[in-house]
Amino acid sequence: MRITVISKAPPGGRCTLYLGYARTLAACFRAEVEVLHPAPQADLQPPAMLVDGQPISPADGVLLSPEDIHRGIAKIGLLMTDHPDLLERLEALDAEFMNECEA
């Protein structure tokens, strides 16, 4: 499995959050994480996340939520039963990000 984060260089808030999500997924699924810094004319602009080449899209069109990621990886066929705490771990990253944004 490969998790790709399309990021700005240097990464900003959402890019950093997506990288945290990717690292959490990688730890659960023994996946590789790669970070790409696209050219301005690239199809996918930062921030974005792909799992095995499949983009995970934010339901609100702006920010990936833990639920978006959970749905996205289940949709591509990854079994969640082996990782019952995954959603909680992603939610903790999201909460930390939101707290930092408010500070």
C-alpha atoms as a PDB file:
ATOM      1  CA  MET A   1       0.000   0.000   0.000  1.00  0.00           C
ATOM      2  CA  ARG A   2       1.168   3.511  -0.786  1.00  0.00           C
ATOM      3  CA  ILE A   3      -0.232   6.679   0.752  1.00  0.00           C
ATOM      4  CA  THR A   4       0.535   9.848  -1.144  1.00  0.00           C
ATOM      5  CA  VAL A   5       0.167  13.328   0.280  1.00  0.00           C
ATOM      6  CA  ILE A   6       0.152  16.191  -2.200  1.00  0.00           C
ATOM      7  CA  SER A   7       1.665  19.008  -0.176  1.00  0.00           C
ATOM      8  CA  LYS A   8       2.897  22.547  -0.401  1.00  0.00           C
ATOM      9  CA  ALA A   9       6.576  23.123   0.282  1.00  0.00           C
ATOM     10  CA  PRO A  10       6.902  23.883   3.121  1.00  0.00           C
ATOM     11  CA  PRO A  11       3.715  22.254   4.341  1.00  0.00           C
ATOM     12  CA  GLY A  12       1.074  24.454   5.928  1.00  0.00           C
ATOM     13  CA  GLY A  13      -1.788  23.577   8.264  1.00  0.00           C
ATOM     14  CA  ARG A  14      -3.924  21.236   6.181  1.00  0.00           C
ATOM     15  CA  CYS A  15      -0.888  19.698   4.465  1.00  0.00           C
ATOM     16  CA  THR A  16       0.597  18.928   7.874  1.00  0.00           C
ATOM     17  CA  LEU A  17      -2.713  17.441   9.050  1.00  0.00           C
ATOM     18  CA  TYR A  18      -2.907  15.211   5.963  1.00  0.00           C
ATOM     19  CA  LEU A  19       0.652  14.045   6.558  1.00  0.00           C
ATOM     20  CA  GLY A  20      -0.348  13.118  10.123  1.00  0.00           C
ATOM     21  CA  TYR A  21      -3.319  11.187   8.771  1.00  0.00           C
ATOM     22  CA  ALA A  22      -1.015   9.419   6.295  1.00  0.00           C
ATOM     23  CA  ARG A  23       1.483   8.438   8.974  1.00  0.00           C
ATOM     24  CA  THR A  24      -1.313   7.063  11.142  1.00  0.00           C
ATOM     25  CA  LEU A  25      -2.641   4.986   8.241  1.00  0.00           C
ATOM     26  CA  ALA A  26       0.876   3.821   7.407  1.00  0.00           C
ATOM     27  CA  ALA A  27       1.415   2.624  10.971  1.00  0.00           C
ATOM     28  CA  CYS A  28      -1.826   0.620  10.871  1.00  0.00           C
ATOM     29  CA  PHE A  29      -1.471  -0.868   7.404  1.00  0.00           C
ATOM     30  CA  ARG A  30       2.336  -1.075   7.138  1.00  0.00           C
ATOM     31  CA  ALA A  31       2.194   1.277   4.204  1.00  0.00           C
ATOM     32  CA  GLU A  32       4.669   3.599   2.581  1.00  0.00           C
ATOM     33  CA  VAL A  33       4.096   7.341   2.705  1.00  0.00           C
ATOM     34  CA  GLU A  34       5.293   9.629  -0.042  1.00  0.00           C
ATOM     35  CA  VAL A  35       4.991  13.388  -0.172  1.00  0.00           C
ATOM     36  CA  LEU A  36       4.735  15.091  -3.554  1.00  0.00           C
ATOM     37  CA  HIS A  37       5.086  18.780  -4.286  1.00  0.00           C
ATOM     38  CA  PRO A  38       3.219  19.231  -7.573  1.00  0.00           C
ATOM     39  CA  ALA A  39       3.851  21.686 -10.333  1.00  0.00           C
ATOM     40  CA  PRO A  40       1.286  24.514 -10.532  1.00  0.00           C
ATOM     41  CA  GLN A  41      -0.418  22.924 -13.555  1.00  0.00           C
ATOM     42  CA  ALA A  42      -0.838  19.487 -11.926  1.00  0.00           C
ATOM     43  CA  ASP A  43      -4.296  17.920 -11.740  1.00  0.00           C
ATOM     44  CA  LEU A  44      -4.228  17.564  -7.962  1.00  0.00           C
ATOM     45  CA  GLN A  45      -3.343  20.615  -5.916  1.00  0.00           C
ATOM     46  CA  PRO A  46      -2.369  20.620  -2.251  1.00  0.00           C
ATOM     47  CA  PRO A  47      -3.565  19.492   0.078  1.00  0.00           C
ATOM     48  CA  ALA A  48      -4.675  16.100  -1.202  1.00  0.00           C
ATOM     49  CA  MET A  49      -4.351  12.475  -0.169  1.00  0.00           C
ATOM     50  CA  LEU A  50      -4.325   9.333  -2.268  1.00  0.00           C
ATOM     51  CA  VAL A  51      -4.350   5.738  -1.090  1.00  0.00           C
ATOM     52  CA  ASP A  52      -3.003   3.311  -3.686  1.00  0.00           C
ATOM     53  CA  GLY A  53      -3.544   6.000  -6.292  1.00  0.00           C
ATOM     54  CA  GLN A  54      -7.180   6.606  -5.350  1.00  0.00           C
ATOM     55  CA  PRO A  55      -7.947  10.125  -4.128  1.00  0.00           C
ATOM     56  CA  ILE A  56      -9.729  10.488  -0.802  1.00  0.00           C
ATOM     57  CA  SER A  57     -12.140  13.387  -1.224  1.00  0.00           C
ATOM     58  CA  PRO A  58     -13.415  15.682   1.519  1.00  0.00           C
ATOM     59  CA  ALA A  59     -17.208  15.521   1.832  1.00  0.00           C
ATOM     60  CA  ASP A  60     -17.330  19.277   2.454  1.00  0.00           C
ATOM     61  CA  GLY A  61     -15.026  19.967  -0.508  1.00  0.00           C
ATOM     62  CA  VAL A  62     -12.435  21.658   1.714  1.00  0.00           C
ATOM     63  CA  LEU A  63     -10.958  19.598   4.554  1.00  0.00           C
ATOM     64  CA  LEU A  64     -10.544  15.842   4.870  1.00  0.00           C
ATOM     65  CA  SER A  65     -12.199  14.596   8.016  1.00  0.00           C
ATOM     66  CA  PRO A  66     -11.449  11.349   9.830  1.00  0.00           C
ATOM     67  CA  GLU A  67     -14.795  10.042   8.552  1.00  0.00           C
ATOM     68  CA  ASP A  68     -13.843  10.890   4.944  1.00  0.00           C
ATOM     69  CA  ILE A  69     -10.642   8.903   5.310  1.00  0.00           C
ATOM     70  CA  HIS A  70     -12.383   6.016   7.028  1.00  0.00           C
ATOM     71  CA  ARG A  71     -14.991   5.841   4.243  1.00  0.00           C
ATOM     72  CA  GLY A  72     -12.400   6.271   1.524  1.00  0.00           C
ATOM     73  CA  ILE A  73     -10.137   3.478   2.634  1.00  0.00           C
ATOM     74  CA  ALA A  74     -13.081   1.141   3.248  1.00  0.00           C
ATOM     75  CA  LYS A  75     -14.337   1.940  -0.259  1.00  0.00           C
ATOM     76  CA  ILE A  76     -11.073   0.750  -1.798  1.00  0.00           C
ATOM     77  CA  GLY A  77     -11.370  -2.512   0.123  1.00  0.00           C
ATOM     78  CA  LEU A  78      -9.169  -2.167   3.192  1.00  0.00           C
ATOM     79  CA  LEU A  79     -10.427  -4.102   6.183  1.00  0.00           C
ATOM     80  CA  MET A  80     -11.094  -1.945   9.202  1.00  0.00           C
ATOM     81  CA  THR A  81     -11.789  -4.803  11.605  1.00  0.00           C
ATOM     82  CA  ASP A  82      -8.070  -5.207  12.303  1.00  0.00           C
ATOM     83  CA  HIS A  83      -7.843  -1.550  13.349  1.00  0.00           C
ATOM     84  CA  PRO A  84     -10.857  -0.738  15.547  1.00  0.00           C
ATOM     85  CA  ASP A  85      -9.138   2.327  17.018  1.00  0.00           C
ATOM     86  CA  LEU A  86      -8.199   3.903  13.675  1.00  0.00           C
ATOM     87  CA  LEU A  87     -11.090   6.357  13.576  1.00  0.00           C
ATOM     88  CA  GLU A  88     -10.327   7.478  17.145  1.00  0.00           C
ATOM     89  CA  ARG A  89      -6.672   8.032  16.252  1.00  0.00           C
ATOM     90  CA  LEU A  90      -7.618  10.102  13.204  1.00  0.00           C
ATOM     91  CA  GLU A  91     -10.124  12.084  15.261  1.00  0.00           C
ATOM     92  CA  ALA A  92      -7.402  12.890  17.817  1.00  0.00           C
ATOM     93  CA  LEU A  93      -5.237  14.360  15.037  1.00  0.00           C
ATOM     94  CA  ASP A  94      -8.202  16.355  13.758  1.00  0.00           C
ATOM     95  CA  ALA A  95      -9.011  17.707  17.238  1.00  0.00           C
ATOM     96  CA  GLU A  96      -5.395  18.748  17.778  1.00  0.00           C
ATOM     97  CA  PHE A  97      -5.390  20.525  14.418  1.00  0.00           C
ATOM     98  CA  MET A  98      -8.630  22.376  15.218  1.00  0.00           C
ATOM     99  CA  ASN A  99      -7.294  23.407  18.639  1.00  0.00           C
ATOM    100  CA  GLU A 100      -4.145  24.805  17.035  1.00  0.00           C
ATOM    101  CA  CYS A 101      -6.231  26.735  14.507  1.00  0.00           C
ATOM    102  CA  GLU A 102      -8.225  28.370  17.310  1.00  0.00           C
ATOM    103  CA  ALA A 103      -5.116  29.366  19.276  1.00  0.00           C
END
